[in-house]
Each structure stands twice: as structure tokens, then as C-alpha cells.
């Protein structure tokens, strides 16, 4: 019997998860979980969230359960996946100490994902040290479970490459202990969903998201406010499809590709109003999100049971991470008293 491949993935608890998370990673996690071919570890990265929210711990505390509810709502199953909380795995912090010595500050500053986020958050030179080094923390998260596959969005490839570099460096010095991970990326064109305002990325911090937990009225209002073609003033005017967020979303969410193409052709020719296509997009999104919304409301009726699920998952994750830490310390010659 072939051993199941270990998957490691997760999210920062800095608010509710949105449809960008859903198409970028969550759908793929559920699919892989249900295939029976994988052993998924899914982490709520509360320590990583503190790297740029250390002065607002309440935000992290309150968001933890919201992320857990979103996980359960999209179909992640604690019977098939180990869902756990990062801060409850002490081995990760100790691994982080060892790995930090294998990475230079200049290499961390060159990481494209980190550079982009530093610019987005306007840190300038006031970068929290924990934020600058979070790619090292991510390498610990991955290697502690000897994950072979890491489902992520396209923008996380630099983080994975950093993890692979750390694995190679460690193994070359201390022997083959750690496993080099590979990324699993969403289908082409679905790795990054633009925000409602036309911004290149849907982001909680930019406030341009559709959340998995949004009710039907909220969803309708958000869709009707979406950015389209600013030059498409009158219904009879020819409209531009490229860069029109409504059509971008339809390409991703509507399985009826023939219908989408018809709408595009009609819009380009003129005679199709923005309100009409937005109403159609709302129907498409609502059909996809209604079952998720309903499951979420069910799970939210028993919050203690959700915390219990996280506790059990963290206990299991602890055992695995402790075993890896033991092997790392043994390879480094730090097992003095054994």
C-alpha cells in the first residue's frame, strides 16, 4: 500500500476568510482531503498573524474561531484532516531558532512576497523582526510535519523556495532529516482574485472582499457595487470585458462557459447593461456560497465543539512535530542527555 503524501497548509486568523481564499486554496484542500491519497495538516497560523498584529491580540483571538468555522463550512473534515493551532505546537518555535541561523537578513529582505507586503503595510524601515523572519517560521511549519505538498496561491511561491533553501542547507550540514516541499497551485487564472474595487488583489486589509460568511443581502450589495468598465455609461454603449471584474468573476465561478462567452460578446457589442450582468453574477455566486453559509451557521451553534476539534487536532500535531524536533536535535548533536 502506497503511503499517503503529507500536505501542509493554513491561514492567518486576521478576520473571516473570503472567496479569494476559497478558490485560491480551500477548494483544492477539500478536493485533496477527500481523494484519500493525502494526509493533510491544516494550521491556523495565529503566531504568524501576530507578526504584524502584536498590538491587537484580541483581533487574532476573535478571528481564530471564525477561520475554524470557515474551514468546516467549506468541507474540511477533522476526521480526514488534522486542523490545529500554530501557537499550541511548541516544537515550531524551537525549530525556528535553529533555522534562523541558516538564513541571512539580506536573503529575507530579497523575498518578493515579503517585500510586497512590507510595501503594502507601509512599514518602511520599521519592520517588526518577526515579520521579516516569517518565511523561516513557515519553513518550520512545513518541515515539522515533513510535508511533501503545500497548496498555496501563486504569490506564495517565493516562500516555498525559501523553505526549500533552508531544507537543503540543513540537510547538507547535518544529514538528510528534512523533506523538501513542492507547491500545489490553483488553476491558471484563479490564484489571485481581484478585489471588488478592481484592485489587483482581494485583501482583508483593503476592505474589498466577499467573505464566505456574508449573508445573501450583503453579497447582493457587494456584487452590485463592483467595478466594471468606467466608459460603459449607457446600456447601448460597447463595453470592455478585459479588466471588468464582473467577467473575471464569471470566468472563475460560472461553470456554464458558453453562457459567459455569450454575455461577453453581447457586452462588447453593446446593449447589455452592468446591472443585468451583476444580477447574473450574484445568482452564480449565491448558488456557490449558500451551502457554505448554511453549514457555517450550523457549526456556529456549538462553538465549544469547534474548540474541542482544534484542541484534539493540536494534540495530534504536537506528537508529529515533537518527533521531527527530536530528529533535528539528534542530527545537530543537541541530544546531550539521551
C-alpha atoms as a PDB file:
ATOM      1  CA  UNK A   1       0.000   0.000   0.000  1.00  0.00           C
ATOM      2  CA  UNK A   2       1.402   3.411  -1.015  1.00  0.00           C
ATOM      3  CA  UNK A   3       1.931   5.821   1.888  1.00  0.00           C
ATOM      4  CA  UNK A   4      -0.224   8.936   1.806  1.00  0.00           C
ATOM      5  CA  UNK A   5       1.605  12.145   0.919  1.00  0.00           C
ATOM      6  CA  UNK A   6       1.638  14.731   3.694  1.00  0.00           C
ATOM      7  CA  UNK A   7       0.060  18.115   2.910  1.00  0.00           C
ATOM      8  CA  UNK A   8       0.657  21.253   4.988  1.00  0.00           C
ATOM      9  CA  UNK A   9      -1.294  24.445   4.520  1.00  0.00           C
ATOM     10  CA  UNK A  10      -3.082  27.078   6.579  1.00  0.00           C
ATOM     11  CA  UNK A  11      -4.268  30.649   7.051  1.00  0.00           C
ATOM     12  CA  UNK A  12      -3.658  33.607   9.342  1.00  0.00           C
ATOM     13  CA  UNK A  13      -6.575  34.371  11.699  1.00  0.00           C
ATOM     14  CA  UNK A  14      -6.911  38.092  10.965  1.00  0.00           C
ATOM     15  CA  UNK A  15     -10.613  38.036  10.084  1.00  0.00           C
ATOM     16  CA  UNK A  16     -13.096  35.939   8.136  1.00  0.00           C
ATOM     17  CA  UNK A  17     -11.886  34.078   5.042  1.00  0.00           C
ATOM     18  CA  UNK A  18     -13.003  35.357   1.646  1.00  0.00           C
ATOM     19  CA  UNK A  19     -13.688  33.903  -1.788  1.00  0.00           C
ATOM     20  CA  UNK A  20     -10.088  34.574  -2.791  1.00  0.00           C
ATOM     21  CA  UNK A  21      -9.024  32.045  -0.146  1.00  0.00           C
ATOM     22  CA  UNK A  22     -11.777  29.729  -1.354  1.00  0.00           C
ATOM     23  CA  UNK A  23     -10.754  29.465  -5.000  1.00  0.00           C
ATOM     24  CA  UNK A  24      -7.057  30.028  -4.316  1.00  0.00           C
ATOM     25  CA  UNK A  25      -6.578  27.237  -1.803  1.00  0.00           C
ATOM     26  CA  UNK A  26      -9.588  25.973   0.181  1.00  0.00           C
ATOM     27  CA  UNK A  27     -11.312  24.183  -2.721  1.00  0.00           C
ATOM     28  CA  UNK A  28      -8.096  22.364  -3.577  1.00  0.00           C
ATOM     29  CA  UNK A  29      -7.576  21.347   0.070  1.00  0.00           C
ATOM     30  CA  UNK A  30     -11.049  19.814   0.255  1.00  0.00           C
ATOM     31  CA  UNK A  31     -10.538  18.008  -3.036  1.00  0.00           C
ATOM     32  CA  UNK A  32      -7.188  16.561  -1.923  1.00  0.00           C
ATOM     33  CA  UNK A  33      -8.564  15.655   1.518  1.00  0.00           C
ATOM     34  CA  UNK A  34     -11.467  13.740   0.005  1.00  0.00           C
ATOM     35  CA  UNK A  35      -9.336  11.882  -2.548  1.00  0.00           C
ATOM     36  CA  UNK A  36      -7.958   9.583   0.177  1.00  0.00           C
ATOM     37  CA  UNK A  37      -4.441   9.950  -1.238  1.00  0.00           C
ATOM     38  CA  UNK A  38      -3.179  12.529   1.225  1.00  0.00           C
ATOM     39  CA  UNK A  39      -2.624  13.185   4.927  1.00  0.00           C
ATOM     40  CA  UNK A  40      -3.500  16.892   5.343  1.00  0.00           C
ATOM     41  CA  UNK A  41      -2.289  19.113   8.199  1.00  0.00           C
ATOM     42  CA  UNK A  42      -4.153  22.426   8.222  1.00  0.00           C
ATOM     43  CA  UNK A  43      -2.845  25.138  10.504  1.00  0.00           C
ATOM     44  CA  UNK A  44      -4.444  28.285  11.862  1.00  0.00           C
ATOM     45  CA  UNK A  45      -1.324  30.468  11.943  1.00  0.00           C
ATOM     46  CA  UNK A  46      -2.007  32.666  14.969  1.00  0.00           C
ATOM     47  CA  UNK A  47       1.693  33.239  15.762  1.00  0.00           C
ATOM     48  CA  UNK A  48       2.356  34.379  12.220  1.00  0.00           C
ATOM     49  CA  UNK A  49      -0.661  36.708  12.420  1.00  0.00           C
ATOM     50  CA  UNK A  50       0.925  38.365  15.455  1.00  0.00           C
ATOM     51  CA  UNK A  51       3.983  39.388  13.406  1.00  0.00           C
ATOM     52  CA  UNK A  52       2.067  42.448  12.220  1.00  0.00           C
ATOM     53  CA  UNK A  53      -0.796  42.451  14.770  1.00  0.00           C
ATOM     54  CA  UNK A  54       1.110  42.111  18.052  1.00  0.00           C
ATOM     55  CA  UNK A  55      -0.603  45.208  19.470  1.00  0.00           C
ATOM     56  CA  UNK A  56      -4.049  43.847  18.670  1.00  0.00           C
ATOM     57  CA  UNK A  57      -4.107  40.304  20.117  1.00  0.00           C
ATOM     58  CA  UNK A  58      -7.888  40.444  20.544  1.00  0.00           C
ATOM     59  CA  UNK A  59      -8.222  40.511  16.751  1.00  0.00           C
ATOM     60  CA  UNK A  60      -6.303  37.229  16.499  1.00  0.00           C
ATOM     61  CA  UNK A  61      -8.173  35.646  19.407  1.00  0.00           C
ATOM     62  CA  UNK A  62     -11.587  36.524  17.955  1.00  0.00           C
ATOM     63  CA  UNK A  63     -10.650  35.522  14.406  1.00  0.00           C
ATOM     64  CA  UNK A  64      -9.415  32.054  15.367  1.00  0.00           C
ATOM     65  CA  UNK A  65     -12.889  30.588  15.702  1.00  0.00           C
ATOM     66  CA  UNK A  66     -14.080  32.410  12.557  1.00  0.00           C
ATOM     67  CA  UNK A  67     -11.375  30.755  10.459  1.00  0.00           C
ATOM     68  CA  UNK A  68     -12.201  27.376  12.017  1.00  0.00           C
ATOM     69  CA  UNK A  69     -15.882  27.858  11.103  1.00  0.00           C
ATOM     70  CA  UNK A  70     -14.927  28.791   7.540  1.00  0.00           C
ATOM     71  CA  UNK A  71     -12.809  25.628   7.308  1.00  0.00           C
ATOM     72  CA  UNK A  72     -15.646  23.400   8.445  1.00  0.00           C
ATOM     73  CA  UNK A  73     -18.158  25.226   6.249  1.00  0.00           C
ATOM     74  CA  UNK A  74     -16.216  24.632   3.008  1.00  0.00           C
ATOM     75  CA  UNK A  75     -15.900  20.929   3.817  1.00  0.00           C
ATOM     76  CA  UNK A  76     -12.641  20.427   5.681  1.00  0.00           C
ATOM     77  CA  UNK A  77     -13.245  17.397   7.888  1.00  0.00           C
ATOM     78  CA  UNK A  78     -11.372  16.842  11.193  1.00  0.00           C
ATOM     79  CA  UNK A  79     -11.810  13.096  10.631  1.00  0.00           C
ATOM     80  CA  UNK A  80      -9.753  13.352   7.424  1.00  0.00           C
ATOM     81  CA  UNK A  81      -7.553  16.395   8.101  1.00  0.00           C
ATOM     82  CA  UNK A  82      -5.605  17.449  11.195  1.00  0.00           C
ATOM     83  CA  UNK A  83      -6.766  21.009  11.913  1.00  0.00           C
ATOM     84  CA  UNK A  84      -4.633  22.676  14.597  1.00  0.00           C
ATOM     85  CA  UNK A  85      -3.442  25.977  16.094  1.00  0.00           C
ATOM     86  CA  UNK A  86       0.142  27.087  15.460  1.00  0.00           C
ATOM     87  CA  UNK A  87       0.797  28.567  18.913  1.00  0.00           C
ATOM     88  CA  UNK A  88      -0.106  25.266  20.557  1.00  0.00           C
ATOM     89  CA  UNK A  89       2.860  23.480  18.904  1.00  0.00           C
ATOM     90  CA  UNK A  90       5.959  24.493  20.964  1.00  0.00           C
ATOM     91  CA  UNK A  91       8.319  22.494  18.720  1.00  0.00           C
ATOM     92  CA  UNK A  92       7.767  25.037  15.936  1.00  0.00           C
ATOM     93  CA  UNK A  93       9.330  27.846  17.968  1.00  0.00           C
ATOM     94  CA  UNK A  94      12.396  25.752  18.789  1.00  0.00           C
ATOM     95  CA  UNK A  95      12.855  24.727  15.161  1.00  0.00           C
ATOM     96  CA  UNK A  96      12.575  28.414  14.239  1.00  0.00           C
ATOM     97  CA  UNK A  97      15.564  29.212  16.479  1.00  0.00           C
ATOM     98  CA  UNK A  98      17.728  26.648  14.690  1.00  0.00           C
ATOM     99  CA  UNK A  99      16.597  27.616  11.183  1.00  0.00           C
ATOM    100  CA  UNK A 100      17.179  31.352  11.728  1.00  0.00           C
ATOM    101  CA  UNK A 101      20.894  30.626  11.915  1.00  0.00           C
ATOM    102  CA  UNK A 102      20.809  29.217   8.380  1.00  0.00           C
ATOM    103  CA  UNK A 103      19.356  32.355   6.721  1.00  0.00           C
ATOM    104  CA  UNK A 104      20.819  35.828   6.165  1.00  0.00           C
ATOM    105  CA  UNK A 105      18.944  39.100   6.697  1.00  0.00           C
ATOM    106  CA  UNK A 106      19.696  40.157   3.111  1.00  0.00           C
ATOM    107  CA  UNK A 107      18.105  36.950   1.788  1.00  0.00           C
ATOM    108  CA  UNK A 108      14.958  37.600   3.815  1.00  0.00           C
ATOM    109  CA  UNK A 109      14.790  41.196   2.564  1.00  0.00           C
ATOM    110  CA  UNK A 110      15.025  39.973  -1.041  1.00  0.00           C
ATOM    111  CA  UNK A 111      11.990  37.673  -0.691  1.00  0.00           C
ATOM    112  CA  UNK A 112       9.488  39.129  -3.237  1.00  0.00           C
ATOM    113  CA  UNK A 113       6.417  38.241  -1.147  1.00  0.00           C
ATOM    114  CA  UNK A 114       7.883  39.864   1.977  1.00  0.00           C
ATOM    115  CA  UNK A 115       8.975  42.945   0.000  1.00  0.00           C
ATOM    116  CA  UNK A 116       5.486  43.373  -1.456  1.00  0.00           C
ATOM    117  CA  UNK A 117       3.798  43.019   1.948  1.00  0.00           C
ATOM    118  CA  UNK A 118       6.241  45.440   3.599  1.00  0.00           C
ATOM    119  CA  UNK A 119       5.326  47.999   0.947  1.00  0.00           C
ATOM    120  CA  UNK A 120       1.589  47.300   1.272  1.00  0.00           C
ATOM    121  CA  UNK A 121       1.694  47.713   5.046  1.00  0.00           C
ATOM    122  CA  UNK A 122       3.880  50.868   4.835  1.00  0.00           C
ATOM    123  CA  UNK A 123       6.439  49.511   7.302  1.00  0.00           C
ATOM    124  CA  UNK A 124       9.335  51.336   5.587  1.00  0.00           C
ATOM    125  CA  UNK A 125      12.292  50.516   7.861  1.00  0.00           C
ATOM    126  CA  UNK A 126      10.124  49.947  10.945  1.00  0.00           C
ATOM    127  CA  UNK A 127       9.689  46.282  10.096  1.00  0.00           C
ATOM    128  CA  UNK A 128       8.879  44.017  13.055  1.00  0.00           C
ATOM    129  CA  UNK A 129      11.671  41.430  13.246  1.00  0.00           C
ATOM    130  CA  UNK A 130       9.079  38.674  13.490  1.00  0.00           C
ATOM    131  CA  UNK A 131       7.510  39.839  10.237  1.00  0.00           C
ATOM    132  CA  UNK A 132      10.811  39.901   8.366  1.00  0.00           C
ATOM    133  CA  UNK A 133      11.601  36.363   9.518  1.00  0.00           C
ATOM    134  CA  UNK A 134       8.173  34.818   8.985  1.00  0.00           C
ATOM    135  CA  UNK A 135       9.354  32.883   5.890  1.00  0.00           C
ATOM    136  CA  UNK A 136      11.628  30.994   8.296  1.00  0.00           C
ATOM    137  CA  UNK A 137       8.665  30.317  10.569  1.00  0.00           C
ATOM    138  CA  UNK A 138       6.771  28.999   7.543  1.00  0.00           C
ATOM    139  CA  UNK A 139       9.667  26.667   6.770  1.00  0.00           C
ATOM    140  CA  UNK A 140       9.322  25.309  10.314  1.00  0.00           C
ATOM    141  CA  UNK A 141       5.579  24.821   9.853  1.00  0.00           C
ATOM    142  CA  UNK A 142       6.184  22.821   6.675  1.00  0.00           C
ATOM    143  CA  UNK A 143       9.184  20.756   7.731  1.00  0.00           C
ATOM    144  CA  UNK A 144       7.877  19.889  11.211  1.00  0.00           C
ATOM    145  CA  UNK A 145       5.321  17.642   9.525  1.00  0.00           C
ATOM    146  CA  UNK A 146       7.649  16.559   6.702  1.00  0.00           C
ATOM    147  CA  UNK A 147       5.106  17.924   4.258  1.00  0.00           C
ATOM    148  CA  UNK A 148       5.723  16.966   0.662  1.00  0.00           C
ATOM    149  CA  UNK A 149       2.978  19.142  -0.801  1.00  0.00           C
ATOM    150  CA  UNK A 150       1.896  22.679   0.122  1.00  0.00           C
ATOM    151  CA  UNK A 151      -1.310  24.017  -1.542  1.00  0.00           C
ATOM    152  CA  UNK A 152      -0.881  27.795  -1.831  1.00  0.00           C
ATOM    153  CA  UNK A 153      -1.703  30.773  -4.006  1.00  0.00           C
ATOM    154  CA  UNK A 154       0.695  31.832  -6.751  1.00  0.00           C
ATOM    155  CA  UNK A 155       2.105  34.676  -4.657  1.00  0.00           C
ATOM    156  CA  UNK A 156       3.474  32.196  -2.095  1.00  0.00           C
ATOM    157  CA  UNK A 157       5.994  30.531  -4.427  1.00  0.00           C
ATOM    158  CA  UNK A 158       8.876  32.699  -3.051  1.00  0.00           C
ATOM    159  CA  UNK A 159       8.027  31.495   0.456  1.00  0.00           C
ATOM    160  CA  UNK A 160       8.207  27.871  -0.658  1.00  0.00           C
ATOM    161  CA  UNK A 161      11.539  28.465  -2.365  1.00  0.00           C
ATOM    162  CA  UNK A 162      12.852  29.935   0.890  1.00  0.00           C
ATOM    163  CA  UNK A 163      11.705  26.801   2.724  1.00  0.00           C
ATOM    164  CA  UNK A 164      13.407  24.578   0.160  1.00  0.00           C
ATOM    165  CA  UNK A 165      16.646  26.530   0.576  1.00  0.00           C
ATOM    166  CA  UNK A 166      16.519  26.030   4.345  1.00  0.00           C
ATOM    167  CA  UNK A 167      15.879  22.297   3.910  1.00  0.00           C
ATOM    168  CA  UNK A 168      18.815  21.944   1.520  1.00  0.00           C
ATOM    169  CA  UNK A 169      21.139  23.914   3.801  1.00  0.00           C
ATOM    170  CA  UNK A 170      20.141  21.951   6.899  1.00  0.00           C
ATOM    171  CA  UNK A 171      20.436  18.575   5.172  1.00  0.00           C
ATOM    172  CA  UNK A 172      23.810  19.441   3.654  1.00  0.00           C
ATOM    173  CA  UNK A 173      25.214  20.341   7.083  1.00  0.00           C
ATOM    174  CA  UNK A 174      23.506  17.861   9.396  1.00  0.00           C
ATOM    175  CA  UNK A 175      22.352  14.992   7.180  1.00  0.00           C
ATOM    176  CA  UNK A 176      19.087  14.109   5.424  1.00  0.00           C
ATOM    177  CA  UNK A 177      16.439  14.764   8.063  1.00  0.00           C
ATOM    178  CA  UNK A 178      14.072  17.275   6.463  1.00  0.00           C
ATOM    179  CA  UNK A 179      11.790  16.832   3.431  1.00  0.00           C
ATOM    180  CA  UNK A 180      11.843  19.337   0.566  1.00  0.00           C
ATOM    181  CA  UNK A 181       8.285  20.571  -0.183  1.00  0.00           C
ATOM    182  CA  UNK A 182       6.575  21.188  -3.509  1.00  0.00           C
ATOM    183  CA  UNK A 183       3.808  23.693  -4.146  1.00  0.00           C
ATOM    184  CA  UNK A 184       0.308  22.836  -5.371  1.00  0.00           C
ATOM    185  CA  UNK A 185      -1.100  25.847  -7.162  1.00  0.00           C
ATOM    186  CA  UNK A 186      -4.665  26.758  -8.186  1.00  0.00           C
ATOM    187  CA  UNK A 187      -5.770  26.514 -11.835  1.00  0.00           C
ATOM    188  CA  UNK A 188      -4.267  29.166 -14.089  1.00  0.00           C
ATOM    189  CA  UNK A 189      -6.014  32.493 -13.632  1.00  0.00           C
ATOM    190  CA  UNK A 190      -7.540  31.584 -10.254  1.00  0.00           C
ATOM    191  CA  UNK A 191      -4.545  32.136  -7.996  1.00  0.00           C
ATOM    192  CA  UNK A 192      -5.354  35.756  -7.317  1.00  0.00           C
ATOM    193  CA  UNK A 193      -8.878  37.165  -7.446  1.00  0.00           C
ATOM    194  CA  UNK A 194      -9.092  40.938  -7.885  1.00  0.00           C
ATOM    195  CA  UNK A 195     -10.972  42.907  -5.266  1.00  0.00           C
ATOM    196  CA  UNK A 196     -14.443  44.384  -5.694  1.00  0.00           C
ATOM    197  CA  UNK A 197     -12.838  47.780  -6.376  1.00  0.00           C
ATOM    198  CA  UNK A 198     -10.708  46.490  -9.234  1.00  0.00           C
ATOM    199  CA  UNK A 199      -7.596  46.358  -7.080  1.00  0.00           C
ATOM    200  CA  UNK A 200      -5.210  43.619  -8.201  1.00  0.00           C
ATOM    201  CA  UNK A 201      -5.800  41.538  -5.086  1.00  0.00           C
ATOM    202  CA  UNK A 202      -8.732  40.787  -2.817  1.00  0.00           C
ATOM    203  CA  UNK A 203      -7.476  41.647   0.649  1.00  0.00           C
ATOM    204  CA  UNK A 204      -8.989  41.935   4.107  1.00  0.00           C
ATOM    205  CA  UNK A 205      -6.805  44.973   4.815  1.00  0.00           C
ATOM    206  CA  UNK A 206      -8.097  46.749   1.690  1.00  0.00           C
ATOM    207  CA  UNK A 207     -11.730  46.042   2.569  1.00  0.00           C
ATOM    208  CA  UNK A 208     -12.572  44.826  -0.947  1.00  0.00           C
ATOM    209  CA  UNK A 209     -13.660  41.259  -0.155  1.00  0.00           C
ATOM    210  CA  UNK A 210     -16.622  38.964  -0.440  1.00  0.00           C
ATOM    211  CA  UNK A 211     -16.489  36.807   2.682  1.00  0.00           C
ATOM    212  CA  UNK A 212     -17.622  33.201   2.887  1.00  0.00           C
ATOM    213  CA  UNK A 213     -19.744  34.247   5.866  1.00  0.00           C
ATOM    214  CA  UNK A 214     -21.527  37.136   4.086  1.00  0.00           C
ATOM    215  CA  UNK A 215     -25.308  36.775   4.146  1.00  0.00           C
ATOM    216  CA  UNK A 216     -27.355  36.971   0.947  1.00  0.00           C
ATOM    217  CA  UNK A 217     -28.199  40.678   1.248  1.00  0.00           C
ATOM    218  CA  UNK A 218     -24.583  41.618   1.907  1.00  0.00           C
ATOM    219  CA  UNK A 219     -23.456  39.545  -1.056  1.00  0.00           C
ATOM    220  CA  UNK A 220     -26.022  41.242  -3.306  1.00  0.00           C
ATOM    221  CA  UNK A 221     -24.943  44.734  -2.217  1.00  0.00           C
ATOM    222  CA  UNK A 222     -21.269  43.928  -2.763  1.00  0.00           C
ATOM    223  CA  UNK A 223     -21.833  42.472  -6.225  1.00  0.00           C
ATOM    224  CA  UNK A 224     -23.973  45.446  -7.271  1.00  0.00           C
ATOM    225  CA  UNK A 225     -21.186  47.815  -6.169  1.00  0.00           C
ATOM    226  CA  UNK A 226     -18.483  46.056  -8.211  1.00  0.00           C
ATOM    227  CA  UNK A 227     -16.099  47.843 -10.529  1.00  0.00           C
ATOM    228  CA  UNK A 228     -16.885  47.307 -14.227  1.00  0.00           C
ATOM    229  CA  UNK A 229     -15.944  49.332 -17.327  1.00  0.00           C
ATOM    230  CA  UNK A 230     -15.946  53.058 -16.357  1.00  0.00           C
ATOM    231  CA  UNK A 231     -16.543  54.016 -20.012  1.00  0.00           C
ATOM    232  CA  UNK A 232     -19.658  51.847 -20.303  1.00  0.00           C
ATOM    233  CA  UNK A 233     -22.046  54.664 -19.390  1.00  0.00           C
ATOM    234  CA  UNK A 234     -25.144  53.764 -21.433  1.00  0.00           C
ATOM    235  CA  UNK A 235     -26.611  50.295 -21.976  1.00  0.00           C
ATOM    236  CA  UNK A 236     -26.223  50.616 -25.730  1.00  0.00           C
ATOM    237  CA  UNK A 237     -22.512  51.502 -25.442  1.00  0.00           C
ATOM    238  CA  UNK A 238     -19.983  48.796 -26.376  1.00  0.00           C
ATOM    239  CA  UNK A 239     -18.266  47.612 -23.190  1.00  0.00           C
ATOM    240  CA  UNK A 240     -14.833  46.289 -22.368  1.00  0.00           C
ATOM    241  CA  UNK A 241     -14.592  42.780 -20.932  1.00  0.00           C
ATOM    242  CA  UNK A 242     -10.848  42.818 -20.200  1.00  0.00           C
ATOM    243  CA  UNK A 243     -10.254  44.190 -16.709  1.00  0.00           C
ATOM    244  CA  UNK A 244     -14.005  44.111 -15.995  1.00  0.00           C
ATOM    245  CA  UNK A 245     -14.190  42.426 -12.598  1.00  0.00           C
ATOM    246  CA  UNK A 246     -17.694  41.041 -13.143  1.00  0.00           C
ATOM    247  CA  UNK A 247     -16.492  38.987 -16.100  1.00  0.00           C
ATOM    248  CA  UNK A 248     -13.331  37.982 -14.243  1.00  0.00           C
ATOM    249  CA  UNK A 249     -15.536  36.504 -11.502  1.00  0.00           C
ATOM    250  CA  UNK A 250     -17.841  34.814 -14.025  1.00  0.00           C
ATOM    251  CA  UNK A 251     -14.818  33.156 -15.668  1.00  0.00           C
ATOM    252  CA  UNK A 252     -13.880  31.707 -12.274  1.00  0.00           C
ATOM    253  CA  UNK A 253     -17.247  30.809 -10.763  1.00  0.00           C
ATOM    254  CA  UNK A 254     -19.644  30.072 -13.624  1.00  0.00           C
ATOM    255  CA  UNK A 255     -19.413  26.530 -14.992  1.00  0.00           C
ATOM    256  CA  UNK A 256     -21.553  27.492 -17.996  1.00  0.00           C
ATOM    257  CA  UNK A 257     -18.654  28.778 -20.141  1.00  0.00           C
ATOM    258  CA  UNK A 258     -20.868  29.036 -23.216  1.00  0.00           C
ATOM    259  CA  UNK A 259     -23.255  31.390 -21.401  1.00  0.00           C
ATOM    260  CA  UNK A 260     -20.331  33.516 -20.177  1.00  0.00           C
ATOM    261  CA  UNK A 261     -18.990  33.808 -23.719  1.00  0.00           C
ATOM    262  CA  UNK A 262     -22.425  34.890 -24.968  1.00  0.00           C
ATOM    263  CA  UNK A 263     -22.558  37.588 -22.284  1.00  0.00           C
ATOM    264  CA  UNK A 264     -19.066  38.796 -23.202  1.00  0.00           C
ATOM    265  CA  UNK A 265     -19.948  39.022 -26.892  1.00  0.00           C
ATOM    266  CA  UNK A 266     -23.184  40.886 -26.094  1.00  0.00           C
ATOM    267  CA  UNK A 267     -21.396  43.299 -23.721  1.00  0.00           C
ATOM    268  CA  UNK A 268     -18.683  44.062 -26.290  1.00  0.00           C
ATOM    269  CA  UNK A 269     -21.287  44.701 -28.981  1.00  0.00           C
ATOM    270  CA  UNK A 270     -23.387  46.956 -26.746  1.00  0.00           C
ATOM    271  CA  UNK A 271     -26.922  46.553 -25.459  1.00  0.00           C
ATOM    272  CA  UNK A 272     -26.076  44.719 -22.206  1.00  0.00           C
ATOM    273  CA  UNK A 273     -26.200  46.766 -19.043  1.00  0.00           C
ATOM    274  CA  UNK A 274     -23.928  46.448 -15.996  1.00  0.00           C
ATOM    275  CA  UNK A 275     -26.896  45.902 -13.683  1.00  0.00           C
ATOM    276  CA  UNK A 276     -28.025  42.885 -15.670  1.00  0.00           C
ATOM    277  CA  UNK A 277     -24.637  41.149 -15.646  1.00  0.00           C
ATOM    278  CA  UNK A 278     -24.168  41.950 -11.963  1.00  0.00           C
ATOM    279  CA  UNK A 279     -27.530  40.361 -11.159  1.00  0.00           C
ATOM    280  CA  UNK A 280     -26.471  37.278 -13.087  1.00  0.00           C
ATOM    281  CA  UNK A 281     -23.135  37.151 -11.235  1.00  0.00           C
ATOM    282  CA  UNK A 282     -24.981  37.438  -7.913  1.00  0.00           C
ATOM    283  CA  UNK A 283     -27.069  34.365  -8.817  1.00  0.00           C
ATOM    284  CA  UNK A 284     -23.916  32.413  -9.719  1.00  0.00           C
ATOM    285  CA  UNK A 285     -22.086  33.374  -6.525  1.00  0.00           C
ATOM    286  CA  UNK A 286     -25.095  32.878  -4.286  1.00  0.00           C
ATOM    287  CA  UNK A 287     -25.619  29.374  -5.651  1.00  0.00           C
ATOM    288  CA  UNK A 288     -21.994  28.521  -4.791  1.00  0.00           C
ATOM    289  CA  UNK A 289     -21.923  30.202  -1.393  1.00  0.00           C
ATOM    290  CA  UNK A 290     -25.376  29.310   0.007  1.00  0.00           C
ATOM    291  CA  UNK A 291     -24.435  25.727   1.069  1.00  0.00           C
ATOM    292  CA  UNK A 292     -21.235  27.062   2.674  1.00  0.00           C
ATOM    293  CA  UNK A 293     -23.184  29.768   4.502  1.00  0.00           C
ATOM    294  CA  UNK A 294     -25.761  27.253   5.773  1.00  0.00           C
ATOM    295  CA  UNK A 295     -23.143  24.780   7.022  1.00  0.00           C
ATOM    296  CA  UNK A 296     -21.308  27.608   8.777  1.00  0.00           C
ATOM    297  CA  UNK A 297     -24.452  28.634  10.661  1.00  0.00           C
ATOM    298  CA  UNK A 298     -24.938  25.025  11.798  1.00  0.00           C
ATOM    299  CA  UNK A 299     -21.378  24.685  13.116  1.00  0.00           C
ATOM    300  CA  UNK A 300     -21.651  28.082  14.825  1.00  0.00           C
ATOM    301  CA  UNK A 301     -24.436  26.708  17.042  1.00  0.00           C
ATOM    302  CA  UNK A 302     -21.862  24.702  19.025  1.00  0.00           C
ATOM    303  CA  UNK A 303     -18.680  26.759  19.436  1.00  0.00           C
ATOM    304  CA  UNK A 304     -17.326  24.579  22.305  1.00  0.00           C
ATOM    305  CA  UNK A 305     -17.352  21.609  19.900  1.00  0.00           C
ATOM    306  CA  UNK A 306     -15.279  23.637  17.403  1.00  0.00           C
ATOM    307  CA  UNK A 307     -12.721  24.480  20.114  1.00  0.00           C
ATOM    308  CA  UNK A 308     -12.636  20.804  21.086  1.00  0.00           C
ATOM    309  CA  UNK A 309     -11.891  19.891  17.472  1.00  0.00           C
ATOM    310  CA  UNK A 310      -8.991  22.374  17.425  1.00  0.00           C
ATOM    311  CA  UNK A 311      -7.687  21.044  20.743  1.00  0.00           C
ATOM    312  CA  UNK A 312      -7.659  17.440  19.536  1.00  0.00           C
ATOM    313  CA  UNK A 313      -6.050  18.427  16.255  1.00  0.00           C
ATOM    314  CA  UNK A 314      -3.354  20.361  18.092  1.00  0.00           C
ATOM    315  CA  UNK A 315      -2.597  17.397  20.338  1.00  0.00           C
ATOM    316  CA  UNK A 316      -2.094  15.155  17.315  1.00  0.00           C
ATOM    317  CA  UNK A 317       0.023  17.774  15.528  1.00  0.00           C
ATOM    318  CA  UNK A 318       2.148  18.155  18.652  1.00  0.00           C
ATOM    319  CA  UNK A 319       3.147  14.495  18.604  1.00  0.00           C
ATOM    320  CA  UNK A 320       4.285  14.669  14.975  1.00  0.00           C
ATOM    321  CA  UNK A 321       6.188  17.960  15.374  1.00  0.00           C
ATOM    322  CA  UNK A 322       7.920  16.702  18.540  1.00  0.00           C
ATOM    323  CA  UNK A 323       9.181  13.655  16.658  1.00  0.00           C
ATOM    324  CA  UNK A 324      10.684  15.860  13.928  1.00  0.00           C
ATOM    325  CA  UNK A 325      12.242  18.149  16.545  1.00  0.00           C
ATOM    326  CA  UNK A 326      13.804  15.107  18.211  1.00  0.00           C
ATOM    327  CA  UNK A 327      15.356  14.045  14.892  1.00  0.00           C
ATOM    328  CA  UNK A 328      16.612  17.585  14.203  1.00  0.00           C
ATOM    329  CA  UNK A 329      18.279  17.903  17.621  1.00  0.00           C
ATOM    330  CA  UNK A 330      19.799  14.458  17.260  1.00  0.00           C
ATOM    331  CA  UNK A 331      21.256  15.406  13.860  1.00  0.00           C
ATOM    332  CA  UNK A 332      22.641  18.661  15.322  1.00  0.00           C
ATOM    333  CA  UNK A 333      24.179  16.876  18.304  1.00  0.00           C
ATOM    334  CA  UNK A 334      21.912  18.610  20.835  1.00  0.00           C
ATOM    335  CA  UNK A 335      20.620  15.408  22.419  1.00  0.00           C
ATOM    336  CA  UNK A 336      23.027  15.670  25.366  1.00  0.00           C
ATOM    337  CA  UNK A 337      21.080  13.727  27.970  1.00  0.00           C
ATOM    338  CA  UNK A 338      19.708  10.819  25.996  1.00  0.00           C
END
